[in-house]
PDB file of N, CA and C in Angstrom:
ATOM      1  N   MET A   1    -136.320 -74.753  -3.418  1.00  0.00           N
ATOM      2  CA  MET A   1    -136.130 -73.942  -2.219  1.00  0.00           C
ATOM      3  C   MET A   1    -137.265 -73.610  -1.518  1.00  0.00           C
ATOM      4  N   PRO A   2    -137.585 -73.680   0.050  1.00  0.00           N
ATOM      5  CA  PRO A   2    -138.639 -73.379   0.486  1.00  0.00           C
ATOM      6  C   PRO A   2    -138.880 -71.825   0.755  1.00  0.00           C
ATOM      7  N   SER A   3    -139.640 -71.132   0.814  1.00  0.00           N
ATOM      8  CA  SER A   3    -139.755 -69.718   0.958  1.00  0.00           C
ATOM      9  C   SER A   3    -139.440 -69.348   2.532  1.00  0.00           C
ATOM     10  N   GLN A   4    -139.233 -68.105   3.057  1.00  0.00           N
ATOM     11  CA  GLN A   4    -139.104 -68.086   4.347  1.00  0.00           C
ATOM     12  C   GLN A   4    -140.264 -68.281   5.118  1.00  0.00           C
ATOM     13  N   GLU A   5    -141.582 -67.768   4.179  1.00  0.00           N
ATOM     14  CA  GLU A   5    -142.682 -67.840   4.825  1.00  0.00           C
ATOM     15  C   GLU A   5    -143.127 -69.230   5.202  1.00  0.00           C
ATOM     16  N   GLN A   6    -142.863 -70.280   4.194  1.00  0.00           N
ATOM     17  CA  GLN A   6    -142.570 -71.690   4.301  1.00  0.00           C
ATOM     18  C   GLN A   6    -142.305 -72.441   5.871  1.00  0.00           C
ATOM     19  N   MET A   7    -141.049 -71.841   5.736  1.00  0.00           N
ATOM     20  CA  MET A   7    -140.122 -72.142   7.039  1.00  0.00           C
ATOM     21  C   MET A   7    -140.784 -71.724   8.446  1.00  0.00           C
ATOM     22  N   LYS A   8    -141.230 -70.435   8.496  1.00  0.00           N
ATOM     23  CA  LYS A   8    -141.785 -69.880   9.402  1.00  0.00           C
ATOM     24  C   LYS A   8    -143.160 -70.551   9.696  1.00  0.00           C
ATOM     25  N   VAL A   9    -143.909 -70.663   8.857  1.00  0.00           N
ATOM     26  CA  VAL A   9    -145.223 -71.534   9.144  1.00  0.00           C
ATOM     27  C   VAL A   9    -144.814 -72.729   9.649  1.00  0.00           C
ATOM     28  N   ALA A  10    -143.785 -73.572   9.188  1.00  0.00           N
ATOM     29  CA  ALA A  10    -143.732 -74.851   9.736  1.00  0.00           C
ATOM     30  C   ALA A  10    -143.108 -74.587  10.936  1.00  0.00           C
ATOM     31  N   LEU A  11    -142.255 -73.736  11.500  1.00  0.00           N
ATOM     32  CA  LEU A  11    -141.753 -73.754  12.977  1.00  0.00           C
ATOM     33  C   LEU A  11    -142.692 -73.069  13.920  1.00  0.00           C
ATOM     34  N   GLN A  12    -143.735 -72.438  13.380  1.00  0.00           N
ATOM     35  CA  GLN A  12    -145.017 -72.033  14.178  1.00  0.00           C
ATOM     36  C   GLN A  12    -145.759 -73.284  14.522  1.00  0.00           C
ATOM     37  N   ALA A  13    -145.996 -74.333  13.362  1.00  0.00           N
ATOM     38  CA  ALA A  13    -146.478 -75.476  13.719  1.00  0.00           C
ATOM     39  C   ALA A  13    -145.943 -76.243  14.476  1.00  0.00           C
ATOM     40  N   TYR A  14    -144.681 -76.141  14.721  1.00  0.00           N
ATOM     41  CA  TYR A  14    -143.906 -77.157  15.530  1.00  0.00           C
ATOM     42  C   TYR A  14    -144.375 -76.459  16.801  1.00  0.00           C
ATOM     43  N   VAL A  15    -144.122 -75.225  17.110  1.00  0.00           N
ATOM     44  CA  VAL A  15    -144.522 -74.750  18.602  1.00  0.00           C
ATOM     45  C   VAL A  15    -145.869 -75.025  18.816  1.00  0.00           C
ATOM     46  N   ASP A  16    -146.854 -75.096  17.849  1.00  0.00           N
ATOM     47  CA  ASP A  16    -148.361 -75.214  17.982  1.00  0.00           C
ATOM     48  C   ASP A  16    -148.545 -76.623  18.604  1.00  0.00           C
ATOM     49  N   GLY A  17    -147.991 -77.706  17.863  1.00  0.00           N
ATOM     50  CA  GLY A  17    -148.177 -79.006  18.056  1.00  0.00           C
ATOM     51  C   GLY A  17    -147.922 -79.185  19.674  1.00  0.00           C
ATOM     52  N   PHE A  18    -146.487 -78.695  20.078  1.00  0.00           N
ATOM     53  CA  PHE A  18    -146.402 -79.039  21.520  1.00  0.00           C
ATOM     54  C   PHE A  18    -147.403 -78.437  22.571  1.00  0.00           C
ATOM     55  N   ALA A  19    -148.118 -77.263  22.037  1.00  0.00           N
ATOM     56  CA  ALA A  19    -148.878 -76.431  22.799  1.00  0.00           C
ATOM     57  C   ALA A  19    -150.272 -77.141  22.802  1.00  0.00           C
ATOM     58  N   LYS A  20    -150.629 -77.891  21.926  1.00  0.00           N
ATOM     59  CA  LYS A  20    -152.020 -78.711  21.698  1.00  0.00           C
ATOM     60  C   LYS A  20    -151.514 -80.111  22.380  1.00  0.00           C
ATOM     61  N   GLY A  21    -150.399 -80.346  22.466  1.00  0.00           N
ATOM     62  CA  GLY A  21    -150.030 -81.868  23.001  1.00  0.00           C
ATOM     63  C   GLY A  21    -150.252 -82.826  22.061  1.00  0.00           C
ATOM     64  N   ASP A  22    -149.711 -82.437  20.700  1.00  0.00           N
ATOM     65  CA  ASP A  22    -150.119 -83.339  19.300  1.00  0.00           C
ATOM     66  C   ASP A  22    -148.618 -83.805  18.858  1.00  0.00           C
ATOM     67  N   ALA A  23    -148.065 -84.698  19.274  1.00  0.00           N
ATOM     68  CA  ALA A  23    -146.715 -85.104  18.905  1.00  0.00           C
ATOM     69  C   ALA A  23    -146.751 -85.534  17.556  1.00  0.00           C
ATOM     70  N   GLU A  24    -148.006 -86.087  16.697  1.00  0.00           N
ATOM     71  CA  GLU A  24    -147.842 -86.518  15.649  1.00  0.00           C
ATOM     72  C   GLU A  24    -147.935 -85.407  14.441  1.00  0.00           C
ATOM     73  N   SER A  25    -148.630 -84.243  14.938  1.00  0.00           N
ATOM     74  CA  SER A  25    -148.508 -82.854  14.098  1.00  0.00           C
ATOM     75  C   SER A  25    -147.093 -82.616  13.999  1.00  0.00           C
ATOM     76  N   VAL A  26    -146.134 -82.674  15.077  1.00  0.00           N
ATOM     77  CA  VAL A  26    -144.687 -82.359  14.943  1.00  0.00           C
ATOM     78  C   VAL A  26    -143.891 -83.180  14.332  1.00  0.00           C
ATOM     79  N   ILE A  27    -144.244 -84.594  14.494  1.00  0.00           N
ATOM     80  CA  ILE A  27    -143.734 -85.373  13.576  1.00  0.00           C
ATOM     81  C   ILE A  27    -143.972 -85.375  12.065  1.00  0.00           C
ATOM     82  N   ALA A  28    -144.969 -84.955  11.777  1.00  0.00           N
ATOM     83  CA  ALA A  28    -145.396 -85.026  10.106  1.00  0.00           C
ATOM     84  C   ALA A  28    -144.345 -83.849   9.698  1.00  0.00           C
ATOM     85  N   LEU A  29    -143.983 -82.911  10.103  1.00  0.00           N
ATOM     86  CA  LEU A  29    -142.957 -81.636   9.799  1.00  0.00           C
ATOM     87  C   LEU A  29    -142.080 -82.350   9.278  1.00  0.00           C
ATOM     88  N   PHE A  30    -141.433 -83.469   9.487  1.00  0.00           N
ATOM     89  CA  PHE A  30    -140.101 -83.929   9.088  1.00  0.00           C
ATOM     90  C   PHE A  30    -140.020 -84.800   7.985  1.00  0.00           C
ATOM     91  N   ALA A  31    -139.022 -84.595   7.086  1.00  0.00           N
ATOM     92  CA  ALA A  31    -138.924 -85.496   5.938  1.00  0.00           C
ATOM     93  C   ALA A  31    -138.476 -86.782   6.308  1.00  0.00           C
ATOM     94  N   GLU A  32    -138.621 -87.861   5.750  1.00  0.00           N
ATOM     95  CA  GLU A  32    -138.395 -89.138   5.556  1.00  0.00           C
ATOM     96  C   GLU A  32    -137.012 -89.391   6.064  1.00  0.00           C
ATOM     97  N   ASN A  33    -135.787 -88.684   5.781  1.00  0.00           N
ATOM     98  CA  ASN A  33    -134.647 -89.030   5.743  1.00  0.00           C
ATOM     99  C   ASN A  33    -134.153 -87.939   6.875  1.00  0.00           C
ATOM    100  N   ALA A  34    -134.759 -87.292   7.743  1.00  0.00           N
ATOM    101  CA  ALA A  34    -134.525 -86.297   8.706  1.00  0.00           C
ATOM    102  C   ALA A  34    -133.657 -86.832   9.734  1.00  0.00           C
ATOM    103  N   VAL A  35    -132.876 -85.963  10.308  1.00  0.00           N
ATOM    104  CA  VAL A  35    -131.792 -86.110  11.366  1.00  0.00           C
ATOM    105  C   VAL A  35    -132.164 -85.198  12.431  1.00  0.00           C
ATOM    106  N   VAL A  36    -132.113 -85.323  13.481  1.00  0.00           N
ATOM    107  CA  VAL A  36    -132.172 -84.628  14.841  1.00  0.00           C
ATOM    108  C   VAL A  36    -131.329 -84.679  15.720  1.00  0.00           C
ATOM    109  N   GLU A  37    -130.577 -83.749  16.330  1.00  0.00           N
ATOM    110  CA  GLU A  37    -129.508 -83.733  17.360  1.00  0.00           C
ATOM    111  C   GLU A  37    -129.881 -82.869  18.352  1.00  0.00           C
ATOM    112  N   ASP A  38    -130.339 -83.338  19.551  1.00  0.00           N
ATOM    113  CA  ASP A  38    -131.131 -82.643  20.406  1.00  0.00           C
ATOM    114  C   ASP A  38    -130.368 -83.422  21.701  1.00  0.00           C
ATOM    115  N   PRO A  39    -129.635 -82.462  22.661  1.00  0.00           N
ATOM    116  CA  PRO A  39    -128.983 -81.264  22.169  1.00  0.00           C
ATOM    117  C   PRO A  39    -127.635 -81.692  21.375  1.00  0.00           C
ATOM    118  N   VAL A  40    -127.366 -80.539  20.468  1.00  0.00           N
ATOM    119  CA  VAL A  40    -125.943 -80.646  19.523  1.00  0.00           C
ATOM    120  C   VAL A  40    -124.812 -81.357  20.607  1.00  0.00           C
ATOM    121  N   GLY A  41    -124.127 -82.331  19.934  1.00  0.00           N
ATOM    122  CA  GLY A  41    -123.243 -83.403  20.843  1.00  0.00           C
ATOM    123  C   GLY A  41    -123.725 -84.403  21.387  1.00  0.00           C
ATOM    124  N   THR A  42    -125.247 -84.554  21.060  1.00  0.00           N
ATOM    125  CA  THR A  42    -125.445 -86.096  21.379  1.00  0.00           C
ATOM    126  C   THR A  42    -125.705 -87.151  20.133  1.00  0.00           C
ATOM    127  N   PRO A  43    -126.069 -88.203  20.243  1.00  0.00           N
ATOM    128  CA  PRO A  43    -125.993 -89.058  19.040  1.00  0.00           C
ATOM    129  C   PRO A  43    -127.263 -88.557  18.270  1.00  0.00           C
ATOM    130  N   GLU A  44    -127.287 -88.757  16.924  1.00  0.00           N
ATOM    131  CA  GLU A  44    -128.314 -87.887  16.012  1.00  0.00           C
ATOM    132  C   GLU A  44    -129.709 -89.175  15.944  1.00  0.00           C
ATOM    133  N   LYS A  45    -130.721 -88.657  15.822  1.00  0.00           N
ATOM    134  CA  LYS A  45    -131.860 -89.660  15.777  1.00  0.00           C
ATOM    135  C   LYS A  45    -132.340 -89.359  14.331  1.00  0.00           C
ATOM    136  N   ARG A  46    -132.729 -90.606  13.967  1.00  0.00           N
ATOM    137  CA  ARG A  46    -133.164 -90.813  12.513  1.00  0.00           C
ATOM    138  C   ARG A  46    -134.660 -91.596  12.712  1.00  0.00           C
ATOM    139  N   GLY A  47    -135.405 -91.512  11.649  1.00  0.00           N
ATOM    140  CA  GLY A  47    -136.608 -92.391  11.450  1.00  0.00           C
ATOM    141  C   GLY A  47    -137.784 -92.440  12.787  1.00  0.00           C
ATOM    142  N   GLU A  48    -137.523 -93.652  13.316  1.00  0.00           N
ATOM    143  CA  GLU A  48    -138.608 -94.108  14.354  1.00  0.00           C
ATOM    144  C   GLU A  48    -138.050 -93.381  15.815  1.00  0.00           C
ATOM    145  N   GLU A  49    -136.591 -93.317  15.609  1.00  0.00           N
ATOM    146  CA  GLU A  49    -136.085 -92.485  16.830  1.00  0.00           C
ATOM    147  C   GLU A  49    -136.678 -91.026  17.155  1.00  0.00           C
ATOM    148  N   ILE A  50    -136.981 -90.429  16.064  1.00  0.00           N
ATOM    149  CA  ILE A  50    -137.542 -88.936  15.992  1.00  0.00           C
ATOM    150  C   ILE A  50    -138.677 -89.150  16.346  1.00  0.00           C
ATOM    151  N   ALA A  51    -139.774 -90.029  15.770  1.00  0.00           N
ATOM    152  CA  ALA A  51    -140.977 -89.932  16.430  1.00  0.00           C
ATOM    153  C   ALA A  51    -141.199 -90.399  17.865  1.00  0.00           C
ATOM    154  N   GLU A  52    -140.405 -91.325  18.192  1.00  0.00           N
ATOM    155  CA  GLU A  52    -140.106 -91.739  19.867  1.00  0.00           C
ATOM    156  C   GLU A  52    -139.847 -90.349  20.679  1.00  0.00           C
ATOM    157  N   PHE A  53    -138.923 -89.523  20.042  1.00  0.00           N
ATOM    158  CA  PHE A  53    -138.243 -88.319  20.782  1.00  0.00           C
ATOM    159  C   PHE A  53    -139.489 -87.677  21.166  1.00  0.00           C
ATOM    160  N   TYR A  54    -140.132 -87.164  19.944  1.00  0.00           N
ATOM    161  CA  TYR A  54    -141.119 -86.303  20.170  1.00  0.00           C
ATOM    162  C   TYR A  54    -142.237 -86.701  20.966  1.00  0.00           C
ATOM    163  N   ARG A  55    -142.997 -87.997  20.747  1.00  0.00           N
ATOM    164  CA  ARG A  55    -143.841 -88.520  21.540  1.00  0.00           C
ATOM    165  C   ARG A  55    -143.554 -88.634  22.938  1.00  0.00           C
ATOM    166  N   ASN A  56    -142.168 -88.587  23.403  1.00  0.00           N
ATOM    167  CA  ASN A  56    -141.931 -88.650  24.883  1.00  0.00           C
ATOM    168  C   ASN A  56    -141.755 -87.180  25.283  1.00  0.00           C
ATOM    169  N   ALA A  57    -141.193 -86.175  24.390  1.00  0.00           N
ATOM    170  CA  ALA A  57    -141.285 -84.882  24.985  1.00  0.00           C
ATOM    171  C   ALA A  57    -142.588 -84.337  25.144  1.00  0.00           C
ATOM    172  N   VAL A  58    -143.605 -84.513  24.033  1.00  0.00           N
ATOM    173  CA  VAL A  58    -144.828 -84.154  24.377  1.00  0.00           C
ATOM    174  C   VAL A  58    -145.507 -84.715  25.573  1.00  0.00           C
ATOM    175  N   GLY A  59    -145.680 -86.110  25.447  1.00  0.00           N
ATOM    176  CA  GLY A  59    -146.185 -86.908  26.376  1.00  0.00           C
ATOM    177  C   GLY A  59    -145.836 -86.312  28.027  1.00  0.00           C
ATOM    178  N   ALA A  60    -144.313 -85.852  27.983  1.00  0.00           N
ATOM    179  CA  ALA A  60    -144.038 -85.291  29.346  1.00  0.00           C
ATOM    180  C   ALA A  60    -144.598 -83.931  29.626  1.00  0.00           C
ATOM    181  N   GLY A  61    -145.465 -83.439  28.673  1.00  0.00           N
ATOM    182  CA  GLY A  61    -146.067 -81.983  29.122  1.00  0.00           C
ATOM    183  C   GLY A  61    -144.984 -81.004  28.653  1.00  0.00           C
ATOM    184  N   ALA A  62    -144.178 -81.193  27.607  1.00  0.00           N
ATOM    185  CA  ALA A  62    -143.233 -79.861  27.289  1.00  0.00           C
ATOM    186  C   ALA A  62    -144.100 -79.033  26.545  1.00  0.00           C
ATOM    187  N   LYS A  63    -143.901 -77.474  26.945  1.00  0.00           N
ATOM    188  CA  LYS A  63    -144.521 -76.520  25.947  1.00  0.00           C
ATOM    189  C   LYS A  63    -143.163 -75.765  25.597  1.00  0.00           C
ATOM    190  N   LEU A  64    -143.475 -75.131  24.404  1.00  0.00           N
ATOM    191  CA  LEU A  64    -142.492 -74.190  23.986  1.00  0.00           C
ATOM    192  C   LEU A  64    -142.656 -72.688  24.025  1.00  0.00           C
ATOM    193  N   ILE A  65    -142.168 -71.916  24.662  1.00  0.00           N
ATOM    194  CA  ILE A  65    -142.545 -70.382  24.736  1.00  0.00           C
ATOM    195  C   ILE A  65    -141.346 -69.694  23.915  1.00  0.00           C
ATOM    196  N   LEU A  66    -142.000 -69.077  22.818  1.00  0.00           N
ATOM    197  CA  LEU A  66    -141.006 -68.358  22.043  1.00  0.00           C
ATOM    198  C   LEU A  66    -140.360 -66.926  22.670  1.00  0.00           C
ATOM    199  N   GLU A  67    -138.995 -66.976  22.398  1.00  0.00           N
ATOM    200  CA  GLU A  67    -138.158 -65.629  23.218  1.00  0.00           C
ATOM    201  C   GLU A  67    -138.128 -64.566  22.083  1.00  0.00           C
ATOM    202  N   GLY A  68    -138.837 -64.644  21.073  1.00  0.00           N
ATOM    203  CA  GLY A  68    -138.507 -63.683  19.939  1.00  0.00           C
ATOM    204  C   GLY A  68    -139.055 -64.163  18.751  1.00  0.00           C
ATOM    205  N   PRO A  69    -139.105 -63.563  17.712  1.00  0.00           N
ATOM    206  CA  PRO A  69    -139.636 -63.845  16.298  1.00  0.00           C
ATOM    207  C   PRO A  69    -139.116 -65.159  15.871  1.00  0.00           C
ATOM    208  N   ILE A  70    -139.698 -66.063  15.184  1.00  0.00           N
ATOM    209  CA  ILE A  70    -138.914 -67.128  14.292  1.00  0.00           C
ATOM    210  C   ILE A  70    -137.756 -66.431  12.962  1.00  0.00           C
ATOM    211  N   ARG A  71    -137.003 -66.792  13.124  1.00  0.00           N
ATOM    212  CA  ARG A  71    -135.872 -66.270  12.133  1.00  0.00           C
ATOM    213  C   ARG A  71    -135.804 -67.006  10.726  1.00  0.00           C
ATOM    214  N   GLY A  72    -135.851 -66.599   9.708  1.00  0.00           N
ATOM    215  CA  GLY A  72    -135.793 -67.279   8.397  1.00  0.00           C
ATOM    216  C   GLY A  72    -134.303 -66.913   7.971  1.00  0.00           C
ATOM    217  N   SER A  73    -134.212 -67.251   6.571  1.00  0.00           N
ATOM    218  CA  SER A  73    -132.696 -67.107   5.861  1.00  0.00           C
ATOM    219  C   SER A  73    -132.940 -66.912   4.511  1.00  0.00           C
ATOM    220  N   HIS A  74    -131.666 -66.587   3.915  1.00  0.00           N
ATOM    221  CA  HIS A  74    -131.767 -66.354   2.399  1.00  0.00           C
ATOM    222  C   HIS A  74    -131.632 -67.824   1.688  1.00  0.00           C
ATOM    223  N   GLY A  75    -131.589 -68.654   2.488  1.00  0.00           N
ATOM    224  CA  GLY A  75    -131.424 -70.346   1.966  1.00  0.00           C
ATOM    225  C   GLY A  75    -132.544 -70.990   2.615  1.00  0.00           C
ATOM    226  N   SER A  76    -132.143 -72.378   2.792  1.00  0.00           N
ATOM    227  CA  SER A  76    -133.313 -73.255   3.213  1.00  0.00           C
ATOM    228  C   SER A  76    -133.169 -73.495   4.727  1.00  0.00           C
ATOM    229  N   SER A  77    -132.890 -72.592   5.748  1.00  0.00           N
ATOM    230  CA  SER A  77    -132.730 -72.908   7.192  1.00  0.00           C
ATOM    231  C   SER A  77    -133.262 -71.529   7.741  1.00  0.00           C
ATOM    232  N   ALA A  78    -133.889 -72.012   8.977  1.00  0.00           N
ATOM    233  CA  ALA A  78    -134.585 -70.871   9.829  1.00  0.00           C
ATOM    234  C   ALA A  78    -134.182 -71.567  11.311  1.00  0.00           C
ATOM    235  N   ALA A  79    -134.500 -70.522  12.215  1.00  0.00           N
ATOM    236  CA  ALA A  79    -134.077 -70.872  13.713  1.00  0.00           C
ATOM    237  C   ALA A  79    -135.291 -70.137  14.483  1.00  0.00           C
ATOM    238  N   MET A  80    -135.381 -70.590  15.701  1.00  0.00           N
ATOM    239  CA  MET A  80    -135.855 -70.021  16.660  1.00  0.00           C
ATOM    240  C   MET A  80    -135.402 -70.121  18.085  1.00  0.00           C
ATOM    241  N   ALA A  81    -135.463 -69.219  18.983  1.00  0.00           N
ATOM    242  CA  ALA A  81    -135.096 -69.226  20.209  1.00  0.00           C
ATOM    243  C   ALA A  81    -136.289 -69.353  21.016  1.00  0.00           C
ATOM    244  N   PHE A  82    -136.357 -70.238  22.103  1.00  0.00           N
ATOM    245  CA  PHE A  82    -137.430 -70.625  23.050  1.00  0.00           C
ATOM    246  C   PHE A  82    -137.035 -71.355  24.139  1.00  0.00           C
ATOM    247  N   THR A  83    -138.073 -71.247  25.240  1.00  0.00           N
ATOM    248  CA  THR A  83    -137.782 -71.946  26.483  1.00  0.00           C
ATOM    249  C   THR A  83    -138.829 -73.155  26.535  1.00  0.00           C
ATOM    250  N   VAL A  84    -138.041 -74.242  26.825  1.00  0.00           N
ATOM    251  CA  VAL A  84    -139.003 -75.269  27.066  1.00  0.00           C
ATOM    252  C   VAL A  84    -139.506 -75.457  28.192  1.00  0.00           C
ATOM    253  N   GLU A  85    -140.622 -75.477  28.644  1.00  0.00           N
ATOM    254  CA  GLU A  85    -141.062 -75.612  30.158  1.00  0.00           C
ATOM    255  C   GLU A  85    -141.700 -77.045  30.126  1.00  0.00           C
ATOM    256  N   MET A  86    -141.488 -77.539  31.095  1.00  0.00           N
ATOM    257  CA  MET A  86    -142.056 -78.891  31.693  1.00  0.00           C
ATOM    258  C   MET A  86    -142.296 -78.954  33.037  1.00  0.00           C
ATOM    259  N   PRO A  87    -142.678 -79.811  33.721  1.00  0.00           N
ATOM    260  CA  PRO A  87    -143.050 -79.875  35.055  1.00  0.00           C
ATOM    261  C   PRO A  87    -141.755 -79.899  35.662  1.00  0.00           C
ATOM    262  N   GLY A  88    -141.415 -78.940  36.415  1.00  0.00           N
ATOM    263  CA  GLY A  88    -140.102 -79.317  37.475  1.00  0.00           C
ATOM    264  C   GLY A  88    -138.851 -78.722  36.758  1.00  0.00           C
ATOM    265  N   MET A  89    -139.061 -78.156  35.432  1.00  0.00           N
ATOM    266  CA  MET A  89    -137.665 -77.706  34.857  1.00  0.00           C
ATOM    267  C   MET A  89    -137.994 -76.804  33.660  1.00  0.00           C
ATOM    268  N   LYS A  90    -136.908 -76.079  33.208  1.00  0.00           N
ATOM    269  CA  LYS A  90    -137.015 -75.166  32.225  1.00  0.00           C
ATOM    270  C   LYS A  90    -135.636 -75.389  31.388  1.00  0.00           C
ATOM    271  N   ILE A  91    -135.720 -75.176  29.919  1.00  0.00           N
ATOM    272  CA  ILE A  91    -134.389 -75.558  29.293  1.00  0.00           C
ATOM    273  C   ILE A  91    -134.688 -74.256  28.435  1.00  0.00           C
ATOM    274  N   PHE A  92    -133.443 -73.357  28.439  1.00  0.00           N
ATOM    275  CA  PHE A  92    -133.232 -72.348  27.297  1.00  0.00           C
ATOM    276  C   PHE A  92    -132.540 -72.969  26.030  1.00  0.00           C
ATOM    277  N   VAL A  93    -133.199 -72.649  24.821  1.00  0.00           N
ATOM    278  CA  VAL A  93    -132.915 -73.328  23.616  1.00  0.00           C
ATOM    279  C   VAL A  93    -133.102 -72.611  22.488  1.00  0.00           C
ATOM    280  N   ILE A  94    -132.163 -72.786  21.553  1.00  0.00           N
ATOM    281  CA  ILE A  94    -132.029 -72.388  20.185  1.00  0.00           C
ATOM    282  C   ILE A  94    -132.111 -73.520  19.164  1.00  0.00           C
ATOM    283  N   ASP A  95    -133.211 -73.693  18.312  1.00  0.00           N
ATOM    284  CA  ASP A  95    -133.000 -74.655  17.374  1.00  0.00           C
ATOM    285  C   ASP A  95    -133.015 -74.177  16.049  1.00  0.00           C
ATOM    286  N   ALA A  96    -132.024 -74.739  15.315  1.00  0.00           N
ATOM    287  CA  ALA A  96    -131.901 -74.473  13.888  1.00  0.00           C
ATOM    288  C   ALA A  96    -132.222 -75.461  13.072  1.00  0.00           C
ATOM    289  N   PHE A  97    -132.754 -75.224  12.034  1.00  0.00           N
ATOM    290  CA  PHE A  97    -133.780 -76.254  11.296  1.00  0.00           C
ATOM    291  C   PHE A  97    -133.292 -75.906   9.712  1.00  0.00           C
ATOM    292  N   THR A  98    -133.301 -77.420   8.904  1.00  0.00           N
ATOM    293  CA  THR A  98    -132.975 -76.979   7.381  1.00  0.00           C
ATOM    294  C   THR A  98    -134.143 -77.884   6.978  1.00  0.00           C
ATOM    295  N   PHE A  99    -134.376 -77.417   5.678  1.00  0.00           N
ATOM    296  CA  PHE A  99    -135.631 -77.643   4.830  1.00  0.00           C
ATOM    297  C   PHE A  99    -135.472 -78.304   3.478  1.00  0.00           C
ATOM    298  N   ASP A 100    -136.112 -79.142   3.125  1.00  0.00           N
ATOM    299  CA  ASP A 100    -136.106 -79.513   1.679  1.00  0.00           C
ATOM    300  C   ASP A 100    -137.024 -78.815   0.640  1.00  0.00           C
ATOM    301  N   ASP A 101    -136.903 -79.094  -0.600  1.00  0.00           N
ATOM    302  CA  ASP A 101    -137.852 -78.342  -1.327  1.00  0.00           C
ATOM    303  C   ASP A 101    -139.421 -77.924  -1.241  1.00  0.00           C
ATOM    304  N   GLU A 102    -139.862 -79.432  -0.718  1.00  0.00           N
ATOM    305  CA  GLU A 102    -141.089 -79.335  -0.219  1.00  0.00           C
ATOM    306  C   GLU A 102    -141.585 -78.574   0.995  1.00  0.00           C
ATOM    307  N   GLY A 103    -140.610 -78.140   1.802  1.00  0.00           N
ATOM    308  CA  GLY A 103    -140.808 -77.608   3.142  1.00  0.00           C
ATOM    309  C   GLY A 103    -140.913 -78.431   4.340  1.00  0.00           C
ATOM    310  N   LYS A 104    -140.246 -79.488   4.001  1.00  0.00           N
ATOM    311  CA  LYS A 104    -140.120 -80.465   5.152  1.00  0.00           C
ATOM    312  C   LYS A 104    -139.080 -80.225   5.992  1.00  0.00           C
ATOM    313  N   VAL A 105    -138.946 -80.700   7.038  1.00  0.00           N
ATOM    314  CA  VAL A 105    -137.303 -80.412   7.914  1.00  0.00           C
ATOM    315  C   VAL A 105    -136.604 -81.740   7.585  1.00  0.00           C
ATOM    316  N   THR A 106    -135.451 -81.163   7.193  1.00  0.00           N
ATOM    317  CA  THR A 106    -134.381 -82.420   6.775  1.00  0.00           C
ATOM    318  C   THR A 106    -133.492 -82.598   8.254  1.00  0.00           C
ATOM    319  N   SER A 107    -133.352 -81.373   8.813  1.00  0.00           N
ATOM    320  CA  SER A 107    -132.562 -81.439  10.111  1.00  0.00           C
ATOM    321  C   SER A 107    -132.817 -80.281  11.241  1.00  0.00           C
ATOM    322  N   MET A 108    -132.779 -80.873  12.162  1.00  0.00           N
ATOM    323  CA  MET A 108    -132.858 -79.988  13.378  1.00  0.00           C
ATOM    324  C   MET A 108    -131.936 -80.081  14.455  1.00  0.00           C
ATOM    325  N   ARG A 109    -131.201 -79.149  14.814  1.00  0.00           N
ATOM    326  CA  ARG A 109    -129.936 -79.203  15.649  1.00  0.00           C
ATOM    327  C   ARG A 109    -130.459 -78.036  16.988  1.00  0.00           C
ATOM    328  N   ALA A 110    -130.506 -78.642  18.269  1.00  0.00           N
ATOM    329  CA  ALA A 110    -131.046 -78.044  19.158  1.00  0.00           C
ATOM    330  C   ALA A 110    -129.635 -77.550  20.042  1.00  0.00           C
ATOM    331  N   TYR A 111    -129.623 -76.258  20.306  1.00  0.00           N
ATOM    332  CA  TYR A 111    -128.405 -75.785  21.255  1.00  0.00           C
ATOM    333  C   TYR A 111    -128.914 -75.306  22.407  1.00  0.00           C
ATOM    334  N   TRP A 112    -128.363 -76.149  23.421  1.00  0.00           N
ATOM    335  CA  TRP A 112    -128.478 -75.833  24.830  1.00  0.00           C
ATOM    336  C   TRP A 112    -127.647 -76.789  25.666  1.00  0.00           C
ATOM    337  N   GLY A 113    -127.081 -76.546  26.676  1.00  0.00           N
ATOM    338  CA  GLY A 113    -125.938 -77.097  27.377  1.00  0.00           C
ATOM    339  C   GLY A 113    -126.615 -77.077  28.969  1.00  0.00           C
ATOM    340  N   PRO A 114    -125.862 -77.709  29.576  1.00  0.00           N
ATOM    341  CA  PRO A 114    -126.183 -77.922  31.125  1.00  0.00           C
ATOM    342  C   PRO A 114    -126.406 -76.595  32.078  1.00  0.00           C
ATOM    343  N   ASP A 115    -125.830 -75.606  31.692  1.00  0.00           N
ATOM    344  CA  ASP A 115    -126.020 -74.061  32.370  1.00  0.00           C
ATOM    345  C   ASP A 115    -127.317 -73.712  31.788  1.00  0.00           C
ATOM    346  N   ASP A 116    -128.062 -74.061  30.714  1.00  0.00           N
ATOM    347  CA  ASP A 116    -129.301 -73.711  30.329  1.00  0.00           C
ATOM    348  C   ASP A 116    -130.533 -74.551  30.705  1.00  0.00           C
ATOM    349  N   LEU A 117    -130.259 -75.365  31.618  1.00  0.00           N
ATOM    350  CA  LEU A 117    -131.204 -76.301  32.048  1.00  0.00           C
ATOM    351  C   LEU A 117    -131.586 -75.877  33.573  1.00  0.00           C
ATOM    352  N   ILE A 118    -132.647 -75.420  33.971  1.00  0.00           N
ATOM    353  CA  ILE A 118    -132.926 -75.014  35.241  1.00  0.00           C
ATOM    354  C   ILE A 118    -134.113 -75.900  35.839  1.00  0.00           C
ATOM    355  N   GLN A 119    -133.724 -76.788  37.106  1.00  0.00           N
ATOM    356  CA  GLN A 119    -134.341 -77.575  37.911  1.00  0.00           C
ATOM    357  C   GLN A 119    -135.399 -76.787  38.803  1.00  0.00           C
ATOM    358  N   GLY A 120    -136.517 -77.130  38.948  1.00  0.00           N
ATOM    359  CA  GLY A 120    -137.414 -76.635  39.884  1.00  0.00           C
ATOM    360  C   GLY A 120    -138.832 -75.887  39.355  1.00  0.00           C
TER     361      GLY A 120
END
């Protein structure tokens, strides 16, 4: 099981990848069998769909602004609250991640709904 420190470092690397405009560093955090559901309630993304999702998000200029510290757990999960800032919009999000024993992300679920997206 990954340590809290490993998980928090991985999530900070996730945020930093967006800040640097480096989609490949974000994609590298995910295990081969990972699943992404962003937002929760939409179809799950796997494999190349995950890579395409992050390349599109980073390419669109998305930046993540943490709204508090990254949270760990007593298990193999961590979460963070942040605001996605993109040209012309903001989205208030909480992402929950699970990790494998090597510290790679096995799942990411993004919690946000229509009321959390602000245009303009």
